[in-house]
Amino acid sequence: AMSKSAVKISSDLLSNPLCEQEPSFLEMVTAFDTAMKRMDSFNQEKVDWLWLANGSAGSTMEFSSVFPSLNMAVKRREQTLQDYKRLQSKVEKYEEKERTGPVLAKLHQ
């Protein structure tokens, strides 16, 4: 369910008008979207395998002990989301400032 949410977030980001204005932002969001779709696919394969191996999806504890990389993927996703939010707030802060040379330079980094 979490990877489905990540895919939804990444596709929402792709529809953000900032993607049309900033090619570098579009490139970053496209890479993020691709990574989230791969993670979702990988997680679905794990769930399918676990279902076949145990006859059921099993408990969360079983799942995380069999696939410790899942916790790492979730942590990486959370860190990426925090990074995105931090950078987005910086962009918003610079957009609110007067459009002078240094501010414009920072906006286009």
PDB file of N, CA and C in Angstrom:
ATOM      1  N   ALA A   1       0.821  -1.189   0.000  1.00  0.00           N
ATOM      2  CA  ALA A   1       0.000   0.000   0.000  1.00  0.00           C
ATOM      3  C   ALA A   1       0.865   1.253   0.000  1.00  0.00           C
ATOM      4  N   MET A   2       1.995   1.200   0.723  1.00  0.00           N
ATOM      5  CA  MET A   2       2.851   2.383   0.795  1.00  0.00           C
ATOM      6  C   MET A   2       3.494   2.662  -0.563  1.00  0.00           C
ATOM      7  N   SER A   3       3.894   1.604  -1.277  1.00  0.00           N
ATOM      8  CA  SER A   3       4.517   1.850  -2.576  1.00  0.00           C
ATOM      9  C   SER A   3       3.482   2.362  -3.577  1.00  0.00           C
ATOM     10  N   LYS A   4       2.238   1.950  -3.411  1.00  0.00           N
ATOM     11  CA  LYS A   4       1.177   2.497  -4.272  1.00  0.00           C
ATOM     12  C   LYS A   4       1.019   3.995  -4.007  1.00  0.00           C
ATOM     13  N   SER A   5       1.111   4.375  -2.731  1.00  0.00           N
ATOM     14  CA  SER A   5       1.033   5.795  -2.375  1.00  0.00           C
ATOM     15  C   SER A   5       2.206   6.569  -2.961  1.00  0.00           C
ATOM     16  N   ALA A   6       3.380   5.951  -2.927  1.00  0.00           N
ATOM     17  CA  ALA A   6       4.567   6.605  -3.484  1.00  0.00           C
ATOM     18  C   ALA A   6       4.419   6.809  -4.985  1.00  0.00           C
ATOM     19  N   VAL A   7       3.852   5.828  -5.665  1.00  0.00           N
ATOM     20  CA  VAL A   7       3.615   5.961  -7.106  1.00  0.00           C
ATOM     21  C   VAL A   7       2.617   7.082  -7.363  1.00  0.00           C
ATOM     22  N   LYS A   8       1.578   7.177  -6.531  1.00  0.00           N
ATOM     23  CA  LYS A   8       0.589   8.249  -6.678  1.00  0.00           C
ATOM     24  C   LYS A   8       1.230   9.615  -6.462  1.00  0.00           C
ATOM     25  N   ILE A   9       2.071   9.724  -5.431  1.00  0.00           N
ATOM     26  CA  ILE A   9       2.758  10.989  -5.152  1.00  0.00           C
ATOM     27  C   ILE A   9       3.640  11.380  -6.327  1.00  0.00           C
ATOM     28  N   SER A  10       4.391  10.430  -6.853  1.00  0.00           N
ATOM     29  CA  SER A  10       5.298  10.747  -7.955  1.00  0.00           C
ATOM     30  C   SER A  10       4.530  11.145  -9.213  1.00  0.00           C
ATOM     31  N   SER A  11       3.404  10.500  -9.464  1.00  0.00           N
ATOM     32  CA  SER A  11       2.628  10.893 -10.648  1.00  0.00           C
ATOM     33  C   SER A  11       1.972  12.262 -10.442  1.00  0.00           C
ATOM     34  N   ASP A  12       1.582  12.562  -9.205  1.00  0.00           N
ATOM     35  CA  ASP A  12       1.060  13.898  -8.907  1.00  0.00           C
ATOM     36  C   ASP A  12       2.129  14.964  -9.120  1.00  0.00           C
ATOM     37  N   LEU A  13       3.349  14.641  -8.715  1.00  0.00           N
ATOM     38  CA  LEU A  13       4.451  15.590  -8.914  1.00  0.00           C
ATOM     39  C   LEU A  13       4.693  15.852 -10.400  1.00  0.00           C
ATOM     40  N   LEU A  14       4.555  14.811 -11.205  1.00  0.00           N
ATOM     41  CA  LEU A  14       4.763  14.980 -12.651  1.00  0.00           C
ATOM     42  C   LEU A  14       3.742  15.935 -13.262  1.00  0.00           C
ATOM     43  N   SER A  15       2.567  16.018 -12.678  1.00  0.00           N
ATOM     44  CA  SER A  15       1.545  16.911 -13.214  1.00  0.00           C
ATOM     45  C   SER A  15       1.667  18.329 -12.653  1.00  0.00           C
ATOM     46  N   ASN A  16       2.648  18.553 -11.792  1.00  0.00           N
ATOM     47  CA  ASN A  16       2.880  19.875 -11.205  1.00  0.00           C
ATOM     48  C   ASN A  16       3.315  20.856 -12.305  1.00  0.00           C
ATOM     49  N   PRO A  17       2.755  22.050 -12.350  1.00  0.00           N
ATOM     50  CA  PRO A  17       3.126  23.039 -13.376  1.00  0.00           C
ATOM     51  C   PRO A  17       4.612  23.408 -13.351  1.00  0.00           C
ATOM     52  N   LEU A  18       5.251  23.243 -12.225  1.00  0.00           N
ATOM     53  CA  LEU A  18       6.676  23.542 -12.137  1.00  0.00           C
ATOM     54  C   LEU A  18       7.499  22.644 -13.058  1.00  0.00           C
ATOM     55  N   CYS A  19       6.985  21.433 -13.326  1.00  0.00           N
ATOM     56  CA  CYS A  19       7.677  20.520 -14.241  1.00  0.00           C
ATOM     57  C   CYS A  19       7.749  21.101 -15.645  1.00  0.00           C
ATOM     58  N   GLU A  20       6.726  21.837 -16.043  1.00  0.00           N
ATOM     59  CA  GLU A  20       6.717  22.439 -17.370  1.00  0.00           C
ATOM     60  C   GLU A  20       7.688  23.611 -17.450  1.00  0.00           C
ATOM     61  N   GLN A  21       7.872  24.296 -16.329  1.00  0.00           N
ATOM     62  CA  GLN A  21       8.711  25.488 -16.305  1.00  0.00           C
ATOM     63  C   GLN A  21      10.189  25.170 -16.096  1.00  0.00           C
ATOM     64  N   GLU A  22      10.469  24.130 -15.357  1.00  0.00           N
ATOM     65  CA  GLU A  22      11.846  23.807 -14.987  1.00  0.00           C
ATOM     66  C   GLU A  22      12.241  22.417 -15.498  1.00  0.00           C
ATOM     67  N   PRO A  23      13.026  22.337 -16.565  1.00  0.00           N
ATOM     68  CA  PRO A  23      13.447  21.031 -17.080  1.00  0.00           C
ATOM     69  C   PRO A  23      14.218  20.195 -16.052  1.00  0.00           C
ATOM     70  N   SER A  24      15.032  20.851 -15.220  1.00  0.00           N
ATOM     71  CA  SER A  24      15.801  20.092 -14.230  1.00  0.00           C
ATOM     72  C   SER A  24      14.869  19.471 -13.183  1.00  0.00           C
ATOM     73  N   PHE A  25      13.819  20.191 -12.804  1.00  0.00           N
ATOM     74  CA  PHE A  25      12.840  19.649 -11.859  1.00  0.00           C
ATOM     75  C   PHE A  25      12.092  18.481 -12.497  1.00  0.00           C
ATOM     76  N   LEU A  26      11.728  18.632 -13.765  1.00  0.00           N
ATOM     77  CA  LEU A  26      11.052  17.548 -14.479  1.00  0.00           C
ATOM     78  C   LEU A  26      11.935  16.310 -14.526  1.00  0.00           C
ATOM     79  N   GLU A  27      13.218  16.506 -14.785  1.00  0.00           N
ATOM     80  CA  GLU A  27      14.151  15.376 -14.842  1.00  0.00           C
ATOM     81  C   GLU A  27      14.223  14.668 -13.492  1.00  0.00           C
ATOM     82  N   MET A  28      14.299  15.443 -12.402  1.00  0.00           N
ATOM     83  CA  MET A  28      14.377  14.875 -11.065  1.00  0.00           C
ATOM     84  C   MET A  28      13.084  14.125 -10.717  1.00  0.00           C
ATOM     85  N   VAL A  29      11.951  14.724 -11.026  1.00  0.00           N
ATOM     86  CA  VAL A  29      10.669  14.095 -10.705  1.00  0.00           C
ATOM     87  C   VAL A  29      10.456  12.843 -11.560  1.00  0.00           C
ATOM     88  N   THR A  30      10.887  12.875 -12.806  1.00  0.00           N
ATOM     89  CA  THR A  30      10.774  11.697 -13.678  1.00  0.00           C
ATOM     90  C   THR A  30      11.607  10.547 -13.120  1.00  0.00           C
ATOM     91  N   ALA A  31      12.819  10.850 -12.663  1.00  0.00           N
ATOM     92  CA  ALA A  31      13.666   9.817 -12.051  1.00  0.00           C
ATOM     93  C   ALA A  31      13.007   9.265 -10.781  1.00  0.00           C
ATOM     94  N   PHE A  32      12.435  10.154  -9.989  1.00  0.00           N
ATOM     95  CA  PHE A  32      11.741   9.736  -8.771  1.00  0.00           C
ATOM     96  C   PHE A  32      10.550   8.843  -9.120  1.00  0.00           C
ATOM     97  N   ASP A  33       9.789   9.232 -10.137  1.00  0.00           N
ATOM     98  CA  ASP A  33       8.624   8.457 -10.569  1.00  0.00           C
ATOM     99  C   ASP A  33       9.046   7.064 -11.026  1.00  0.00           C
ATOM    100  N   THR A  34      10.109   6.999 -11.810  1.00  0.00           N
ATOM    101  CA  THR A  34      10.608   5.708 -12.286  1.00  0.00           C
ATOM    102  C   THR A  34      11.036   4.830 -11.118  1.00  0.00           C
ATOM    103  N   ALA A  35      11.735   5.418 -10.159  1.00  0.00           N
ATOM    104  CA  ALA A  35      12.180   4.659  -8.987  1.00  0.00           C
ATOM    105  C   ALA A  35      10.991   4.141  -8.176  1.00  0.00           C
ATOM    106  N   MET A  36       9.973   4.970  -8.013  1.00  0.00           N
ATOM    107  CA  MET A  36       8.805   4.550  -7.233  1.00  0.00           C
ATOM    108  C   MET A  36       8.048   3.425  -7.945  1.00  0.00           C
ATOM    109  N   LYS A  37       7.961   3.509  -9.267  1.00  0.00           N
ATOM    110  CA  LYS A  37       7.283   2.440 -10.012  1.00  0.00           C
ATOM    111  C   LYS A  37       8.070   1.135  -9.924  1.00  0.00           C
ATOM    112  N   ARG A  38       9.402   1.236  -9.978  1.00  0.00           N
ATOM    113  CA  ARG A  38      10.230   0.028  -9.832  1.00  0.00           C
ATOM    114  C   ARG A  38      10.069  -0.563  -8.441  1.00  0.00           C
ATOM    115  N   MET A  39      10.063   0.309  -7.420  1.00  0.00           N
ATOM    116  CA  MET A  39       9.899  -0.160  -6.047  1.00  0.00           C
ATOM    117  C   MET A  39       8.546  -0.851  -5.886  1.00  0.00           C
ATOM    118  N   ASP A  40       7.494  -0.271  -6.464  1.00  0.00           N
ATOM    119  CA  ASP A  40       6.176  -0.868  -6.372  1.00  0.00           C
ATOM    120  C   ASP A  40       6.156  -2.248  -7.030  1.00  0.00           C
ATOM    121  N   SER A  41       6.762  -2.331  -8.194  1.00  0.00           N
ATOM    122  CA  SER A  41       6.812  -3.606  -8.910  1.00  0.00           C
ATOM    123  C   SER A  41       7.594  -4.647  -8.098  1.00  0.00           C
ATOM    124  N   PHE A  42       8.732  -4.221  -7.574  1.00  0.00           N
ATOM    125  CA  PHE A  42       9.562  -5.109  -6.763  1.00  0.00           C
ATOM    126  C   PHE A  42       8.800  -5.577  -5.523  1.00  0.00           C
ATOM    127  N   ASN A  43       8.111  -4.664  -4.857  1.00  0.00           N
ATOM    128  CA  ASN A  43       7.337  -5.023  -3.665  1.00  0.00           C
ATOM    129  C   ASN A  43       6.211  -5.984  -4.009  1.00  0.00           C
ATOM    130  N   GLN A  44       5.569  -5.770  -5.156  1.00  0.00           N
ATOM    131  CA  GLN A  44       4.493  -6.665  -5.562  1.00  0.00           C
ATOM    132  C   GLN A  44       5.026  -8.072  -5.818  1.00  0.00           C
ATOM    133  N   GLU A  45       6.214  -8.154  -6.413  1.00  0.00           N
ATOM    134  CA  GLU A  45       6.828  -9.464  -6.626  1.00  0.00           C
ATOM    135  C   GLU A  45       7.109 -10.159  -5.296  1.00  0.00           C
ATOM    136  N   LYS A  46       7.579  -9.383  -4.308  1.00  0.00           N
ATOM    137  CA  LYS A  46       7.839  -9.956  -2.980  1.00  0.00           C
ATOM    138  C   LYS A  46       6.548 -10.486  -2.364  1.00  0.00           C
ATOM    139  N   VAL A  47       5.491  -9.704  -2.457  1.00  0.00           N
ATOM    140  CA  VAL A  47       4.203 -10.112  -1.883  1.00  0.00           C
ATOM    141  C   VAL A  47       3.713 -11.381  -2.576  1.00  0.00           C
ATOM    142  N   ASP A  48       3.816 -11.407  -3.891  1.00  0.00           N
ATOM    143  CA  ASP A  48       3.380 -12.595  -4.637  1.00  0.00           C
ATOM    144  C   ASP A  48       4.182 -13.822  -4.223  1.00  0.00           C
ATOM    145  N   TRP A  49       5.500 -13.654  -4.083  1.00  0.00           N
ATOM    146  CA  TRP A  49       6.347 -14.771  -3.701  1.00  0.00           C
ATOM    147  C   TRP A  49       6.003 -15.254  -2.296  1.00  0.00           C
ATOM    148  N   LEU A  50       5.823 -14.318  -1.375  1.00  0.00           N
ATOM    149  CA  LEU A  50       5.502 -14.668   0.001  1.00  0.00           C
ATOM    150  C   LEU A  50       4.157 -15.369   0.073  1.00  0.00           C
ATOM    151  N   TRP A  51       3.212 -14.890  -0.710  1.00  0.00           N
ATOM    152  CA  TRP A  51       1.885 -15.514  -0.739  1.00  0.00           C
ATOM    153  C   TRP A  51       2.002 -16.973  -1.184  1.00  0.00           C
ATOM    154  N   LEU A  52       2.781 -17.205  -2.228  1.00  0.00           N
ATOM    155  CA  LEU A  52       2.960 -18.568  -2.729  1.00  0.00           C
ATOM    156  C   LEU A  52       3.728 -19.439  -1.741  1.00  0.00           C
ATOM    157  N   ALA A  53       4.726 -18.874  -1.094  1.00  0.00           N
ATOM    158  CA  ALA A  53       5.562 -19.651  -0.177  1.00  0.00           C
ATOM    159  C   ALA A  53       4.807 -20.054   1.088  1.00  0.00           C
ATOM    160  N   ASN A  54       3.967 -19.178   1.601  1.00  0.00           N
ATOM    161  CA  ASN A  54       3.290 -19.447   2.873  1.00  0.00           C
ATOM    162  C   ASN A  54       1.814 -19.782   2.721  1.00  0.00           C
ATOM    163  N   GLY A  55       1.282 -19.577   1.565  1.00  0.00           N
ATOM    164  CA  GLY A  55      -0.144 -19.797   1.385  1.00  0.00           C
ATOM    165  C   GLY A  55      -0.962 -18.608   1.836  1.00  0.00           C
ATOM    166  N   SER A  56      -0.290 -17.588   2.351  1.00  0.00           N
ATOM    167  CA  SER A  56      -0.967 -16.361   2.769  1.00  0.00           C
ATOM    168  C   SER A  56       0.059 -15.242   2.764  1.00  0.00           C
ATOM    169  N   ALA A  57      -0.413 -14.040   2.936  1.00  0.00           N
ATOM    170  CA  ALA A  57       0.492 -12.886   2.935  1.00  0.00           C
ATOM    171  C   ALA A  57       1.343 -12.852   4.199  1.00  0.00           C
ATOM    172  N   GLY A  58       0.943 -13.558   5.272  1.00  0.00           N
ATOM    173  CA  GLY A  58       1.738 -13.579   6.492  1.00  0.00           C
ATOM    174  C   GLY A  58       1.644 -12.270   7.250  1.00  0.00           C
ATOM    175  N   SER A  59       2.298 -12.251   8.397  1.00  0.00           N
ATOM    176  CA  SER A  59       2.260 -11.031   9.204  1.00  0.00           C
ATOM    177  C   SER A  59       3.316 -10.043   8.724  1.00  0.00           C
ATOM    178  N   THR A  60       3.191  -8.820   9.165  1.00  0.00           N
ATOM    179  CA  THR A  60       4.167  -7.782   8.816  1.00  0.00           C
ATOM    180  C   THR A  60       5.534  -8.167   9.355  1.00  0.00           C
ATOM    181  N   MET A  61       5.569  -8.765  10.528  1.00  0.00           N
ATOM    182  CA  MET A  61       6.834  -9.160  11.131  1.00  0.00           C
ATOM    183  C   MET A  61       7.526 -10.200  10.258  1.00  0.00           C
ATOM    184  N   GLU A  62       6.774 -11.201   9.770  1.00  0.00           N
ATOM    185  CA  GLU A  62       7.347 -12.198   8.869  1.00  0.00           C
ATOM    186  C   GLU A  62       7.880 -11.527   7.618  1.00  0.00           C
ATOM    187  N   PHE A  63       7.094 -10.632   7.083  1.00  0.00           N
ATOM    188  CA  PHE A  63       7.456  -9.967   5.830  1.00  0.00           C
ATOM    189  C   PHE A  63       8.753  -9.197   5.985  1.00  0.00           C
ATOM    190  N   SER A  64       8.883  -8.430   7.060  1.00  0.00           N
ATOM    191  CA  SER A  64      10.089  -7.624   7.232  1.00  0.00           C
ATOM    192  C   SER A  64      11.297  -8.483   7.578  1.00  0.00           C
ATOM    193  N   SER A  65      11.093  -9.620   8.224  1.00  0.00           N
ATOM    194  CA  SER A  65      12.243 -10.486   8.528  1.00  0.00           C
ATOM    195  C   SER A  65      12.707 -11.239   7.290  1.00  0.00           C
ATOM    196  N   VAL A  66      11.794 -11.573   6.399  1.00  0.00           N
ATOM    197  CA  VAL A  66      12.169 -12.264   5.163  1.00  0.00           C
ATOM    198  C   VAL A  66      12.776 -11.277   4.176  1.00  0.00           C
ATOM    199  N   PHE A  67      12.270 -10.047   4.172  1.00  0.00           N
ATOM    200  CA  PHE A  67      12.729  -9.035   3.229  1.00  0.00           C
ATOM    201  C   PHE A  67      13.198  -7.784   3.975  1.00  0.00           C
ATOM    202  N   PRO A  68      14.376  -7.834   4.578  1.00  0.00           N
ATOM    203  CA  PRO A  68      14.847  -6.664   5.330  1.00  0.00           C
ATOM    204  C   PRO A  68      15.070  -5.442   4.434  1.00  0.00           C
ATOM    205  N   SER A  69      15.251  -5.662   3.151  1.00  0.00           N
ATOM    206  CA  SER A  69      15.465  -4.520   2.253  1.00  0.00           C
ATOM    207  C   SER A  69      14.206  -3.664   2.124  1.00  0.00           C
ATOM    208  N   LEU A  70      13.056  -4.217   2.452  1.00  0.00           N
ATOM    209  CA  LEU A  70      11.821  -3.440   2.385  1.00  0.00           C
ATOM    210  C   LEU A  70      11.867  -2.260   3.349  1.00  0.00           C
ATOM    211  N   ASN A  71      12.337  -2.507   4.566  1.00  0.00           N
ATOM    212  CA  ASN A  71      12.443  -1.412   5.533  1.00  0.00           C
ATOM    213  C   ASN A  71      13.390  -0.340   5.027  1.00  0.00           C
ATOM    214  N   MET A  72      14.483  -0.741   4.413  1.00  0.00           N
ATOM    215  CA  MET A  72      15.433   0.232   3.863  1.00  0.00           C
ATOM    216  C   MET A  72      14.785   1.025   2.736  1.00  0.00           C
ATOM    217  N   ALA A  73      14.013   0.372   1.897  1.00  0.00           N
ATOM    218  CA  ALA A  73      13.344   1.068   0.796  1.00  0.00           C
ATOM    219  C   ALA A  73      12.351   2.093   1.333  1.00  0.00           C
ATOM    220  N   VAL A  74      11.639   1.734   2.377  1.00  0.00           N
ATOM    221  CA  VAL A  74      10.679   2.658   2.981  1.00  0.00           C
ATOM    222  C   VAL A  74      11.424   3.852   3.587  1.00  0.00           C
ATOM    223  N   LYS A  75      12.534   3.583   4.260  1.00  0.00           N
ATOM    224  CA  LYS A  75      13.319   4.669   4.855  1.00  0.00           C
ATOM    225  C   LYS A  75      13.880   5.591   3.776  1.00  0.00           C
ATOM    226  N   ARG A  76      14.373   5.012   2.672  1.00  0.00           N
ATOM    227  CA  ARG A  76      14.895   5.832   1.571  1.00  0.00           C
ATOM    228  C   ARG A  76      13.779   6.680   0.976  1.00  0.00           C
ATOM    229  N   ARG A  77      12.607   6.107   0.845  1.00  0.00           N
ATOM    230  CA  ARG A  77      11.477   6.855   0.311  1.00  0.00           C
ATOM    231  C   ARG A  77      11.138   8.035   1.219  1.00  0.00           C
ATOM    232  N   GLU A  78      11.092   7.777   2.517  1.00  0.00           N
ATOM    233  CA  GLU A  78      10.784   8.840   3.470  1.00  0.00           C
ATOM    234  C   GLU A  78      11.838   9.949   3.406  1.00  0.00           C
ATOM    235  N   GLN A  79      13.122   9.554   3.301  1.00  0.00           N
ATOM    236  CA  GLN A  79      14.195  10.545   3.221  1.00  0.00           C
ATOM    237  C   GLN A  79      14.065  11.366   1.941  1.00  0.00           C
ATOM    238  N   THR A  80      13.743  10.712   0.831  1.00  0.00           N
ATOM    239  CA  THR A  80      13.567  11.416  -0.436  1.00  0.00           C
ATOM    240  C   THR A  80      12.398  12.387  -0.348  1.00  0.00           C
ATOM    241  N   LEU A  81      11.331  11.961   0.278  1.00  0.00           N
ATOM    242  CA  LEU A  81      10.171  12.834   0.436  1.00  0.00           C
ATOM    243  C   LEU A  81      10.517  14.049   1.302  1.00  0.00           C
ATOM    244  N   GLN A  82      11.262  13.825   2.382  1.00  0.00           N
ATOM    245  CA  GLN A  82      11.682  14.947   3.233  1.00  0.00           C
ATOM    246  C   GLN A  82      12.576  15.904   2.450  1.00  0.00           C
ATOM    247  N   ASP A  83      13.503  15.348   1.656  1.00  0.00           N
ATOM    248  CA  ASP A  83      14.380  16.188   0.828  1.00  0.00           C
ATOM    249  C   ASP A  83      13.558  17.007  -0.150  1.00  0.00           C
ATOM    250  N   TYR A  84      12.579  16.375  -0.770  1.00  0.00           N
ATOM    251  CA  TYR A  84      11.738  17.076  -1.727  1.00  0.00           C
ATOM    252  C   TYR A  84      10.996  18.234  -1.049  1.00  0.00           C
ATOM    253  N   LYS A  85      10.413  17.954   0.106  1.00  0.00           N
ATOM    254  CA  LYS A  85       9.663  18.997   0.812  1.00  0.00           C
ATOM    255  C   LYS A  85      10.574  20.155   1.213  1.00  0.00           C
ATOM    256  N   ARG A  86      11.790  19.837   1.648  1.00  0.00           N
ATOM    257  CA  ARG A  86      12.738  20.876   2.031  1.00  0.00           C
ATOM    258  C   ARG A  86      13.100  21.738   0.818  1.00  0.00           C
ATOM    259  N   LEU A  87      13.384  21.099  -0.309  1.00  0.00           N
ATOM    260  CA  LEU A  87      13.730  21.845  -1.519  1.00  0.00           C
ATOM    261  C   LEU A  87      12.544  22.641  -2.049  1.00  0.00           C
ATOM    262  N   GLN A  88      11.352  22.075  -1.948  1.00  0.00           N
ATOM    263  CA  GLN A  88      10.155  22.774  -2.406  1.00  0.00           C
ATOM    264  C   GLN A  88       9.933  24.037  -1.589  1.00  0.00           C
ATOM    265  N   SER A  89      10.168  23.960  -0.280  1.00  0.00           N
ATOM    266  CA  SER A  89       9.980  25.150   0.552  1.00  0.00           C
ATOM    267  C   SER A  89      11.020  26.216   0.213  1.00  0.00           C
ATOM    268  N   LYS A  90      12.244  25.789  -0.145  1.00  0.00           N
ATOM    269  CA  LYS A  90      13.261  26.752  -0.575  1.00  0.00           C
ATOM    270  C   LYS A  90      12.819  27.462  -1.844  1.00  0.00           C
ATOM    271  N   VAL A  91      12.309  26.696  -2.799  1.00  0.00           N
ATOM    272  CA  VAL A  91      11.850  27.278  -4.060  1.00  0.00           C
ATOM    273  C   VAL A  91      10.733  28.276  -3.791  1.00  0.00           C
ATOM    274  N   GLU A  92       9.786  27.904  -2.943  1.00  0.00           N
ATOM    275  CA  GLU A  92       8.677  28.806  -2.626  1.00  0.00           C
ATOM    276  C   GLU A  92       9.185  30.077  -1.950  1.00  0.00           C
ATOM    277  N   LYS A  93      10.173  29.931  -1.080  1.00  0.00           N
ATOM    278  CA  LYS A  93      10.734  31.094  -0.392  1.00  0.00           C
ATOM    279  C   LYS A  93      11.367  32.054  -1.406  1.00  0.00           C
ATOM    280  N   TYR A  94      12.129  31.514  -2.358  1.00  0.00           N
ATOM    281  CA  TYR A  94      12.771  32.368  -3.356  1.00  0.00           C
ATOM    282  C   TYR A  94      11.767  32.964  -4.337  1.00  0.00           C
ATOM    283  N   GLU A  95      10.688  32.241  -4.599  1.00  0.00           N
ATOM    284  CA  GLU A  95       9.663  32.769  -5.494  1.00  0.00           C
ATOM    285  C   GLU A  95       8.938  33.967  -4.864  1.00  0.00           C
ATOM    286  N   GLU A  96       8.837  33.964  -3.540  1.00  0.00           N
ATOM    287  CA  GLU A  96       8.164  35.057  -2.849  1.00  0.00           C
ATOM    288  C   GLU A  96       9.028  36.311  -2.774  1.00  0.00           C
ATOM    289  N   LYS A  97      10.340  36.141  -2.874  1.00  0.00           N
ATOM    290  CA  LYS A  97      11.244  37.289  -2.770  1.00  0.00           C
ATOM    291  C   LYS A  97      11.200  38.129  -4.040  1.00  0.00           C
ATOM    292  N   GLU A  98      11.718  39.320  -3.929  1.00  0.00           N
ATOM    293  CA  GLU A  98      11.821  40.220  -5.068  1.00  0.00           C
ATOM    294  C   GLU A  98      12.730  39.581  -6.125  1.00  0.00           C
ATOM    295  N   ARG A  99      12.370  39.718  -7.364  1.00  0.00           N
ATOM    296  CA  ARG A  99      13.114  39.056  -8.444  1.00  0.00           C
ATOM    297  C   ARG A  99      14.349  39.881  -8.822  1.00  0.00           C
ATOM    298  N   THR A 100      15.401  39.686  -8.035  1.00  0.00           N
ATOM    299  CA  THR A 100      16.669  40.344  -8.323  1.00  0.00           C
ATOM    300  C   THR A 100      17.633  39.301  -8.881  1.00  0.00           C
ATOM    301  N   GLY A 101      18.781  39.743  -9.327  1.00  0.00           N
ATOM    302  CA  GLY A 101      19.766  38.838  -9.932  1.00  0.00           C
ATOM    303  C   GLY A 101      20.126  37.641  -9.081  1.00  0.00           C
ATOM    304  N   PRO A 102      20.555  37.841  -7.815  1.00  0.00           N
ATOM    305  CA  PRO A 102      20.937  36.690  -6.977  1.00  0.00           C
ATOM    306  C   PRO A 102      19.777  35.736  -6.714  1.00  0.00           C
ATOM    307  N   VAL A 103      18.587  36.268  -6.522  1.00  0.00           N
ATOM    308  CA  VAL A 103      17.415  35.419  -6.272  1.00  0.00           C
ATOM    309  C   VAL A 103      17.093  34.587  -7.501  1.00  0.00           C
ATOM    310  N   LEU A 104      17.107  35.183  -8.673  1.00  0.00           N
ATOM    311  CA  LEU A 104      16.853  34.457  -9.908  1.00  0.00           C
ATOM    312  C   LEU A 104      17.896  33.383 -10.142  1.00  0.00           C
ATOM    313  N   ALA A 105      19.154  33.687  -9.809  1.00  0.00           N
ATOM    314  CA  ALA A 105      20.206  32.695  -9.962  1.00  0.00           C
ATOM    315  C   ALA A 105      19.955  31.476  -9.074  1.00  0.00           C
ATOM    316  N   LYS A 106      19.522  31.725  -7.837  1.00  0.00           N
ATOM    317  CA  LYS A 106      19.248  30.603  -6.922  1.00  0.00           C
ATOM    318  C   LYS A 106      18.019  29.812  -7.374  1.00  0.00           C
ATOM    319  N   LEU A 107      17.063  30.479  -7.946  1.00  0.00           N
ATOM    320  CA  LEU A 107      15.855  29.773  -8.420  1.00  0.00           C
ATOM    321  C   LEU A 107      16.185  28.830  -9.557  1.00  0.00           C
ATOM    322  N   HIS A 108      17.172  29.168 -10.363  1.00  0.00           N
ATOM    323  CA  HIS A 108      17.474  28.359 -11.546  1.00  0.00           C
ATOM    324  C   HIS A 108      18.637  27.415 -11.342  1.00  0.00           C
ATOM    325  N   GLN A 109      19.008  27.169 -10.099  1.00  0.00           N
ATOM    326  CA  GLN A 109      20.086  26.201  -9.831  1.00  0.00           C
ATOM    327  C   GLN A 109      19.583  24.800  -9.996  1.00  0.00           C
TER     328      GLN A 109
END
